[in-house]
Amino acid sequence: METSETPPWEAKKKTAKRGLLRKFLLWAFFIGLIAFVAYGLKAKPVPVEIATVARGPLTVSVLEEGKTRVRHRYVITAPVAGNMRRVILKAGDELKAGETVITVIEPGIAPLLDARSRAQAEARVSLAGAARSQAEQSLEVTKTAAQFAKAGWERVKSNLAQGSISVTDRDLIERESLVREREVRAGEFALKMADYDLEQARAALLQFNQPAVAGSTIEVKAPAYGRVLKVHQESAAMIAAGAAIIEMGDPADLEIEAEILSRDAVAIFPGAEVSVEQWGGETPLKGRVRRIEPAAFTKVSALGVEEQRVIVLSHLDALPEQAKALGDRYRVEVKVAIWSEPDVLLVPSGALFREGREWKTFVLNAGKARKQAVTTGRTDGKMTQVIKGLSEKDQVLMHPPDVVKDGTEVSPRVVE
């Protein structure tokens, strides 16, 4: 009888060890599989863009369509009745004071030399003389104001190196000096027009005082330098005294006319900053509000809604070379400042959303989005003033997707 060299208890022991190893590997596989599935089902952080709440200046503006217009425009009229020859000038032609002949008026049928007509002619001469005196006095006042403004600007320039005046005050004083210089130029133009009206009134009076001289042709010449804006009567015709012939002005002296809603116009004040955009150049033009007309008018919008609008006039600062191509009645977009603060707490408008009657935002806190109620103030469309609810350097989510809820884990990316 053969006997086994290995004791029975040792063989059984090895079999038990192999069974435990197989069980361990099997359990390890199932545990790993469960962990892998759990990891795959785990919610991943939502990628979002974030921005930082910071302090800075905020300017709220009103954006409306506008148009350029010549600030001082004058209508040249016929000094006497007669046969007017054809006007050869076209819109845009240059006019030289006392040289450019607009048209020639030949004598027509002799007027009745009655006392009333003579008195009317003499009254027109007196009226033209008074208008000239008024224009002359107005020019003197404008020149005096321009001298003081220029002297103030010279003093400011001498103190720039010492830093005794702020940049804002310096710009205001410089702008005031430039505006006064333009007003002197406009006043000189108005005085030339008054001289022209007086000359034409005296020429009309010749029909009564010196009929022989009045029977000759009369040349209507340009009273001042400028350009033709519009020709009212081009063809040769029998024309009455005082009938409009052409309209003229200085195209370099432009202003901006914008029709602003009355509810926005009440917040606009003379001297407010104006930015002129969409005029044909890349850089916006700068200007200031000159006048807000006191009377509104009704205008029907493209949607058929009646609106009350107010005309706001603005003058432009020094124009770049490209902007000198602007003419009368050109379309532009006008942005008028109605509110401004140099230092407020700002949050991007894209981080805010409406929930009921409250404005809210998501604040980044330890990698999770936390919903926060915010009290807002003014906004310019891009940035919004924060009154309560956020602090400086808080990070907020920009345009949060619908999957983001209070407590959602997010993966932030800073918006540059």
Protein backbone atom coordinates (compact mmCIF):
# COMPACT_ATOMS: atom_id res chain seq x y z
CA MET A 1 0.00 0.00 0.00
CA GLU A 2 1.41 3.35 -1.17
CA THR A 3 1.39 6.27 1.12
CA SER A 4 1.35 9.97 0.08
CA GLU A 5 4.50 11.93 0.82
CA THR A 6 2.45 15.09 1.50
CA PRO A 7 0.35 15.08 4.60
CA PRO A 8 -3.38 15.47 3.97
CA TRP A 9 -3.67 18.64 6.03
CA GLU A 10 -1.08 20.52 3.93
CA ALA A 11 -2.93 19.81 0.65
CA LYS A 12 -6.19 21.08 2.09
CA LYS A 13 -4.46 24.25 3.32
CA LYS A 14 -3.16 25.20 -0.15
CA THR A 15 -6.62 24.71 -1.68
CA ALA A 16 -8.12 27.11 0.87
CA LYS A 17 -5.53 29.82 0.05
CA ARG A 18 -6.28 29.69 -3.68
CA GLY A 19 -10.03 30.07 -3.02
CA LEU A 20 -9.51 33.14 -0.88
CA LEU A 21 -7.37 34.78 -3.58
CA ARG A 22 -10.03 34.20 -6.24
CA LYS A 23 -12.71 35.68 -3.95
CA PHE A 24 -10.53 38.70 -3.24
CA LEU A 25 -9.94 39.39 -6.94
CA LEU A 26 -13.63 38.97 -7.72
CA TRP A 27 -14.68 41.40 -4.98
CA ALA A 28 -11.99 43.86 -6.06
CA PHE A 29 -13.30 43.75 -9.62
CA PHE A 30 -16.89 44.43 -8.57
CA ILE A 31 -15.87 47.22 -6.21
CA GLY A 32 -13.78 48.85 -8.95
CA LEU A 33 -16.64 48.53 -11.42
CA ILE A 34 -19.05 50.17 -8.99
CA ALA A 35 -16.57 52.98 -8.28
CA PHE A 36 -16.07 53.54 -12.01
CA VAL A 37 -19.82 53.75 -12.63
CA ALA A 38 -20.29 56.07 -9.65
CA TYR A 39 -17.52 58.32 -10.92
CA GLY A 40 -19.11 58.43 -14.37
CA LEU A 41 -22.50 59.33 -12.90
CA LYS A 42 -21.04 62.04 -10.70
CA ALA A 43 -22.06 65.60 -11.81
CA LYS A 44 -19.16 67.43 -13.42
CA PRO A 45 -18.45 71.11 -12.68
CA VAL A 46 -20.29 73.45 -15.12
CA PRO A 47 -17.84 75.63 -17.09
CA VAL A 48 -18.74 79.30 -16.63
CA GLU A 49 -17.25 82.74 -17.23
CA ILE A 50 -16.70 85.00 -14.25
CA ALA A 51 -16.09 88.72 -13.77
CA THR A 52 -14.94 90.76 -10.80
CA VAL A 53 -16.98 93.46 -9.11
CA ALA A 54 -14.93 96.68 -9.03
CA ARG A 55 -15.25 100.42 -8.52
CA GLY A 56 -15.04 102.90 -11.37
CA PRO A 57 -16.73 105.76 -13.23
CA LEU A 58 -20.20 105.35 -14.75
CA THR A 59 -21.88 107.57 -17.31
CA VAL A 60 -25.48 107.00 -18.38
CA SER A 61 -26.30 108.31 -21.85
CA VAL A 62 -29.26 108.66 -24.19
CA LEU A 63 -28.66 107.43 -27.75
CA GLU A 64 -30.76 108.95 -30.54
CA GLU A 65 -30.50 109.69 -34.23
CA GLY A 66 -29.52 113.23 -35.13
CA LYS A 67 -28.45 115.35 -38.05
CA THR A 68 -25.94 118.07 -38.70
CA ARG A 69 -27.01 121.56 -39.67
CA VAL A 70 -25.31 124.84 -40.41
CA ARG A 71 -25.59 126.90 -37.27
CA HIS A 72 -26.16 130.27 -39.00
CA ARG A 73 -28.02 130.15 -42.29
CA TYR A 74 -29.27 133.16 -44.24
CA VAL A 75 -31.71 133.62 -47.09
CA ILE A 76 -30.73 136.06 -49.84
CA THR A 77 -33.83 137.86 -51.11
CA ALA A 78 -34.59 140.15 -54.04
CA PRO A 79 -34.06 143.81 -53.02
CA VAL A 80 -36.53 145.11 -55.64
CA ALA A 81 -39.21 143.77 -57.94
CA GLY A 82 -38.18 143.10 -61.52
CA ASN A 83 -37.10 140.55 -64.10
CA MET A 84 -34.54 138.24 -62.47
CA ARG A 85 -32.02 136.50 -64.69
CA ARG A 86 -31.32 132.80 -64.32
CA VAL A 87 -29.25 131.81 -61.25
CA ILE A 88 -26.26 129.77 -62.42
CA LEU A 89 -25.07 128.84 -58.93
CA LYS A 90 -25.65 125.34 -57.57
CA ALA A 91 -25.80 123.98 -54.04
CA GLY A 92 -22.25 123.71 -52.69
CA ASP A 93 -20.76 126.51 -54.79
CA GLU A 94 -18.46 128.88 -52.95
CA LEU A 95 -19.49 132.47 -52.37
CA LYS A 96 -17.03 135.36 -51.88
CA ALA A 97 -18.13 138.47 -50.07
CA GLY A 98 -18.79 141.37 -52.47
CA GLU A 99 -17.46 139.44 -55.50
CA THR A 100 -19.76 136.54 -56.38
CA VAL A 101 -22.77 137.73 -58.39
CA ILE A 102 -25.80 135.66 -57.45
CA THR A 103 -28.14 137.11 -60.07
CA VAL A 104 -29.04 140.31 -61.90
CA ILE A 105 -32.44 141.98 -61.64
CA GLU A 106 -33.60 144.11 -64.52
CA PRO A 107 -36.25 146.78 -64.14
CA GLY A 108 -39.79 145.68 -64.71
CA ILE A 109 -42.95 147.72 -64.79
CA ALA A 110 -42.44 151.02 -62.93
CA PRO A 111 -44.11 150.91 -59.52
CA LEU A 112 -46.65 153.46 -58.42
CA LEU A 113 -44.86 156.29 -56.64
CA ASP A 114 -47.39 156.66 -53.84
CA ALA A 115 -46.68 157.97 -50.36
CA ARG A 116 -47.40 154.66 -48.65
CA SER A 117 -44.85 152.77 -50.75
CA ARG A 118 -42.24 155.47 -50.06
CA ALA A 119 -42.93 155.28 -46.34
CA GLN A 120 -42.62 151.49 -46.40
CA ALA A 121 -39.29 151.70 -48.23
CA GLU A 122 -37.97 154.26 -45.74
CA ALA A 123 -39.16 152.06 -42.84
CA ARG A 124 -37.28 149.10 -44.30
CA VAL A 125 -34.11 151.22 -44.42
CA SER A 126 -34.58 152.23 -40.79
CA LEU A 127 -35.26 148.65 -39.77
CA ALA A 128 -32.17 147.43 -41.60
CA GLY A 129 -30.09 150.16 -39.93
CA ALA A 130 -31.35 149.19 -36.48
CA ALA A 131 -30.63 145.52 -37.19
CA ARG A 132 -27.09 146.45 -38.20
CA SER A 133 -26.55 148.41 -34.99
CA GLN A 134 -27.85 145.47 -32.96
CA ALA A 135 -25.52 143.07 -34.80
CA GLU A 136 -22.60 145.43 -34.23
CA GLN A 137 -23.27 145.67 -30.48
CA SER A 138 -23.74 141.92 -30.23
CA LEU A 139 -20.38 141.41 -31.95
CA GLU A 140 -18.68 143.72 -29.46
CA VAL A 141 -20.16 141.78 -26.54
CA THR A 142 -19.03 138.50 -28.09
CA LYS A 143 -15.51 139.83 -28.68
CA THR A 144 -15.28 140.96 -25.06
CA ALA A 145 -16.37 137.53 -23.80
CA ALA A 146 -13.88 135.88 -26.18
CA GLN A 147 -11.03 138.06 -24.86
CA PHE A 148 -11.77 137.09 -21.26
CA ALA A 149 -12.07 133.41 -22.20
CA LYS A 150 -8.77 133.54 -24.11
CA ALA A 151 -7.04 135.31 -21.22
CA GLY A 152 -8.33 132.65 -18.82
CA TRP A 153 -7.02 129.90 -21.09
CA GLU A 154 -3.61 131.59 -21.31
CA ARG A 155 -3.41 131.71 -17.49
CA VAL A 156 -4.37 128.05 -17.27
CA LYS A 157 -1.70 127.05 -19.80
CA SER A 158 0.95 128.84 -17.76
CA ASN A 159 -0.09 126.88 -14.63
CA LEU A 160 -0.29 123.42 -16.23
CA ALA A 161 3.25 122.48 -15.24
CA GLN A 162 2.50 123.26 -11.58
CA GLY A 163 -0.48 120.90 -11.50
CA SER A 164 -2.69 123.48 -9.78
CA ILE A 165 -5.75 122.70 -11.90
CA SER A 166 -7.50 119.45 -12.73
CA VAL A 167 -7.64 118.00 -16.24
CA THR A 168 -11.44 118.38 -16.32
CA ASP A 169 -11.31 122.09 -15.45
CA ARG A 170 -8.55 122.62 -18.00
CA ASP A 171 -10.63 121.02 -20.76
CA LEU A 172 -13.68 123.09 -19.82
CA ILE A 173 -11.71 126.36 -19.96
CA GLU A 174 -10.11 125.41 -23.29
CA ARG A 175 -13.50 124.46 -24.72
CA GLU A 176 -14.99 127.76 -23.53
CA SER A 177 -12.23 129.66 -25.33
CA LEU A 178 -12.86 127.75 -28.59
CA VAL A 179 -16.63 128.30 -28.37
CA ARG A 180 -16.19 132.03 -27.83
CA GLU A 181 -13.91 132.25 -30.87
CA ARG A 182 -16.58 130.57 -32.99
CA GLU A 183 -19.22 132.95 -31.63
CA VAL A 184 -17.06 135.91 -32.74
CA ARG A 185 -16.85 134.40 -36.20
CA ALA A 186 -20.62 133.95 -36.29
CA GLY A 187 -21.13 137.52 -35.06
CA GLU A 188 -18.93 138.90 -37.84
CA PHE A 189 -20.96 136.90 -40.34
CA ALA A 190 -24.22 138.31 -38.91
CA LEU A 191 -22.85 141.86 -39.16
CA LYS A 192 -22.01 141.35 -42.84
CA MET A 193 -25.54 140.09 -43.44
CA ALA A 194 -26.95 143.18 -41.69
CA ASP A 195 -24.81 145.44 -43.92
CA TYR A 196 -26.13 143.59 -46.93
CA ASP A 197 -29.76 144.00 -45.84
CA LEU A 198 -29.19 147.72 -45.25
CA GLU A 199 -27.63 148.12 -48.70
CA GLN A 200 -30.51 146.31 -50.37
CA ALA A 201 -33.08 148.43 -48.52
CA ARG A 202 -31.33 151.61 -49.65
CA ALA A 203 -31.27 150.32 -53.22
CA ALA A 204 -35.02 149.77 -53.09
CA LEU A 205 -35.52 153.34 -51.85
CA LEU A 206 -33.76 154.65 -54.98
CA GLN A 207 -36.92 153.88 -56.92
CA PHE A 208 -38.51 156.84 -55.18
CA ASN A 209 -35.59 159.20 -54.56
CA GLN A 210 -33.75 158.73 -57.90
CA PRO A 211 -35.98 156.97 -60.43
CA ALA A 212 -33.38 157.35 -63.20
CA VAL A 213 -30.75 155.47 -61.22
CA ALA A 214 -33.30 152.90 -60.11
CA GLY A 215 -34.08 152.07 -63.72
CA SER A 216 -30.67 150.38 -64.21
CA THR A 217 -29.99 146.72 -63.49
CA ILE A 218 -29.13 145.63 -59.97
CA GLU A 219 -26.52 142.99 -59.26
CA VAL A 220 -27.28 140.83 -56.24
CA LYS A 221 -23.89 139.91 -54.75
CA ALA A 222 -22.90 137.60 -51.93
CA PRO A 223 -22.80 139.57 -48.66
CA ALA A 224 -20.26 137.28 -46.94
CA TYR A 225 -18.09 134.24 -47.45
CA GLY A 226 -19.91 130.93 -47.43
CA ARG A 227 -21.45 128.30 -49.64
CA VAL A 228 -24.79 127.87 -51.34
CA LEU A 229 -27.00 125.57 -49.30
CA LYS A 230 -30.14 125.72 -51.42
CA VAL A 231 -31.36 127.53 -54.53
CA HIS A 232 -34.96 128.69 -54.07
CA GLN A 233 -35.45 130.34 -57.48
CA GLU A 234 -33.23 129.09 -60.29
CA SER A 235 -35.07 129.97 -63.50
CA ALA A 236 -35.42 133.48 -64.87
CA ALA A 237 -38.70 134.98 -63.78
CA MET A 238 -40.54 138.10 -62.74
CA ILE A 239 -39.77 138.32 -59.04
CA ALA A 240 -41.27 140.37 -56.24
CA ALA A 241 -39.29 142.36 -53.72
CA GLY A 242 -38.35 140.18 -50.75
CA ALA A 243 -38.70 136.86 -52.62
CA ALA A 244 -36.12 134.23 -51.61
CA ILE A 245 -33.41 133.51 -54.17
CA ILE A 246 -30.82 131.32 -52.44
CA GLU A 247 -29.96 130.10 -48.95
CA MET A 248 -26.34 130.38 -47.83
CA GLY A 249 -24.20 129.61 -44.78
CA ASP A 250 -20.78 128.57 -43.54
CA PRO A 251 -20.54 124.74 -43.70
CA ALA A 252 -17.56 124.79 -41.31
CA ASP A 253 -19.83 126.11 -38.54
CA LEU A 254 -21.88 122.97 -37.84
CA GLU A 255 -24.05 121.94 -34.94
CA ILE A 256 -25.95 118.74 -34.18
CA GLU A 257 -29.74 118.59 -33.91
CA ALA A 258 -31.24 115.59 -32.12
CA GLU A 259 -34.86 114.81 -31.26
CA ILE A 260 -34.82 113.44 -27.70
CA LEU A 261 -37.77 111.95 -25.82
CA SER A 262 -39.16 114.49 -23.37
CA ARG A 263 -38.71 112.13 -20.39
CA ASP A 264 -34.99 111.94 -21.19
CA ALA A 265 -34.63 115.62 -22.11
CA VAL A 266 -35.52 116.73 -18.57
CA ALA A 267 -32.28 115.14 -17.35
CA ILE A 268 -30.12 116.92 -19.97
CA PHE A 269 -28.48 120.22 -19.09
CA PRO A 270 -26.46 122.75 -21.15
CA GLY A 271 -22.81 121.79 -21.20
CA ALA A 272 -23.45 118.04 -20.94
CA GLU A 273 -21.00 115.82 -22.82
CA VAL A 274 -22.02 114.65 -26.29
CA SER A 275 -20.49 111.85 -28.35
CA VAL A 276 -21.30 111.84 -32.08
CA GLU A 277 -21.07 108.38 -33.64
CA GLN A 278 -21.86 106.76 -36.99
CA TRP A 279 -20.85 109.92 -38.85
CA GLY A 280 -18.54 108.13 -41.28
CA GLY A 281 -15.33 107.96 -39.25
CA GLU A 282 -13.95 105.48 -36.74
CA THR A 283 -13.42 107.89 -33.84
CA PRO A 284 -16.50 109.50 -32.22
CA LEU A 285 -16.65 113.29 -32.32
CA LYS A 286 -16.87 115.17 -29.04
CA GLY A 287 -19.14 118.08 -28.26
CA ARG A 288 -21.31 119.79 -25.65
CA VAL A 289 -25.02 120.50 -25.37
CA ARG A 290 -25.68 124.13 -26.31
CA ARG A 291 -29.45 124.43 -25.97
CA ILE A 292 -32.52 122.41 -25.02
CA GLU A 293 -35.57 123.89 -26.68
CA PRO A 294 -38.38 124.54 -24.17
CA ALA A 295 -41.27 123.28 -26.33
CA ALA A 296 -41.84 119.65 -27.27
CA PHE A 297 -43.65 118.33 -30.33
CA THR A 298 -45.52 115.14 -31.18
CA LYS A 299 -43.90 112.61 -33.48
CA VAL A 300 -45.23 109.21 -34.55
CA SER A 301 -42.65 106.44 -34.30
CA ALA A 302 -42.14 103.63 -36.82
CA LEU A 303 -44.38 101.44 -34.65
CA GLY A 304 -47.21 103.96 -34.80
CA VAL A 305 -46.73 105.25 -31.23
CA GLU A 306 -47.13 108.96 -30.55
CA GLU A 307 -44.10 110.37 -28.74
CA GLN A 308 -43.29 113.76 -27.28
CA ARG A 309 -39.84 114.83 -28.36
CA VAL A 310 -37.62 117.84 -27.71
CA ILE A 311 -34.94 119.27 -30.00
CA VAL A 312 -31.50 119.32 -28.35
CA LEU A 313 -28.75 121.34 -30.06
CA SER A 314 -25.06 120.57 -29.54
CA HIS A 315 -21.91 122.24 -30.80
CA LEU A 316 -18.86 120.26 -31.82
CA ASP A 317 -15.33 120.63 -30.53
CA ALA A 318 -12.36 120.95 -32.87
CA LEU A 319 -13.03 118.68 -35.86
CA PRO A 320 -10.43 116.29 -37.32
CA GLU A 321 -9.54 116.66 -40.96
CA GLN A 322 -11.79 113.80 -42.06
CA ALA A 323 -14.80 115.27 -40.25
CA LYS A 324 -14.56 118.50 -42.25
CA ALA A 325 -16.30 116.65 -45.08
CA LEU A 326 -19.52 116.71 -43.04
CA GLY A 327 -22.19 118.89 -44.56
CA ASP A 328 -25.64 120.19 -43.80
CA ARG A 329 -28.35 117.64 -42.83
CA TYR A 330 -26.01 114.64 -42.58
CA ARG A 331 -27.31 111.75 -40.45
CA VAL A 332 -25.41 110.88 -37.26
CA GLU A 333 -26.03 109.15 -33.93
CA VAL A 334 -25.89 111.30 -30.82
CA LYS A 335 -25.07 109.99 -27.35
CA VAL A 336 -25.90 112.58 -24.67
CA ALA A 337 -24.80 112.09 -21.06
CA ILE A 338 -27.68 112.45 -18.58
CA TRP A 339 -25.97 111.13 -15.41
CA SER A 340 -22.38 110.61 -14.39
CA GLU A 341 -20.48 109.57 -11.25
CA PRO A 342 -16.68 109.20 -10.99
CA ASP A 343 -16.60 106.37 -8.43
CA VAL A 344 -19.35 103.75 -8.01
CA LEU A 345 -19.44 99.99 -7.40
CA LEU A 346 -19.94 98.30 -10.78
CA VAL A 347 -21.02 94.84 -11.88
CA PRO A 348 -21.34 93.68 -15.52
CA SER A 349 -24.97 93.77 -16.65
CA GLY A 350 -24.57 90.27 -18.10
CA ALA A 351 -24.17 88.86 -14.59
CA LEU A 352 -27.63 90.03 -13.46
CA PHE A 353 -30.95 88.30 -14.04
CA ARG A 354 -34.51 88.95 -12.97
CA GLU A 355 -36.29 86.67 -10.51
CA GLY A 356 -39.72 87.99 -9.64
CA ARG A 357 -39.31 91.63 -8.71
CA GLU A 358 -35.68 91.28 -7.62
CA TRP A 359 -32.38 91.41 -9.43
CA LYS A 360 -30.10 88.50 -8.57
CA THR A 361 -26.70 87.13 -9.51
CA PHE A 362 -24.55 84.06 -8.86
CA VAL A 363 -21.47 84.67 -6.72
CA LEU A 364 -18.51 82.26 -6.90
CA ASN A 365 -17.86 80.85 -3.42
CA ALA A 366 -15.40 77.97 -2.88
CA GLY A 367 -15.95 76.61 -6.38
CA LYS A 368 -19.74 76.72 -6.11
CA ALA A 369 -22.36 79.15 -7.39
CA ARG A 370 -24.32 80.93 -4.66
CA LYS A 371 -27.43 82.93 -5.56
CA GLN A 372 -27.36 86.50 -4.23
CA ALA A 373 -30.02 89.25 -4.29
CA VAL A 374 -28.73 92.61 -5.54
CA THR A 375 -30.06 96.16 -5.29
CA THR A 376 -29.10 98.01 -8.46
CA GLY A 377 -28.93 101.66 -9.48
CA ARG A 378 -28.08 103.26 -12.82
CA THR A 379 -26.84 101.34 -15.86
CA ASP A 380 -25.32 102.16 -19.22
CA GLY A 381 -26.20 98.79 -20.72
CA LYS A 382 -22.77 97.24 -20.13
CA MET A 383 -22.12 98.05 -16.47
CA THR A 384 -24.63 98.48 -13.63
CA GLN A 385 -24.32 100.36 -10.37
CA VAL A 386 -24.53 98.17 -7.25
CA ILE A 387 -26.16 99.75 -4.21
CA LYS A 388 -26.43 96.69 -1.96
CA GLY A 389 -25.77 92.95 -2.11
CA LEU A 390 -22.20 92.77 -3.47
CA SER A 391 -18.76 93.88 -2.34
CA GLU A 392 -15.68 94.95 -4.20
CA LYS A 393 -13.61 92.04 -5.63
CA ASP A 394 -16.55 89.61 -5.50
CA GLN A 395 -16.56 87.23 -8.46
CA VAL A 396 -19.87 86.79 -10.29
CA LEU A 397 -20.97 84.43 -13.06
CA MET A 398 -21.47 85.95 -16.50
CA HIS A 399 -24.55 84.78 -18.41
CA PRO A 400 -25.11 81.68 -16.18
CA PRO A 401 -26.74 78.74 -18.04
CA ASP A 402 -30.03 77.21 -16.89
CA VAL A 403 -28.26 74.18 -15.36
CA VAL A 404 -26.61 76.40 -12.76
CA LYS A 405 -28.55 76.43 -9.50
CA ASP A 406 -27.78 77.59 -5.98
CA GLY A 407 -24.89 75.36 -4.81
CA THR A 408 -23.94 74.01 -8.26
CA GLU A 409 -20.24 73.25 -8.62
CA VAL A 410 -18.71 75.31 -11.42
CA SER A 411 -15.45 75.53 -13.30
CA PRO A 412 -14.64 79.24 -13.66
CA ARG A 413 -12.93 81.04 -16.52
CA VAL A 414 -12.08 84.71 -16.10
CA VAL A 415 -13.55 87.13 -18.67
CA GLU A 416 -10.87 89.45 -19.98
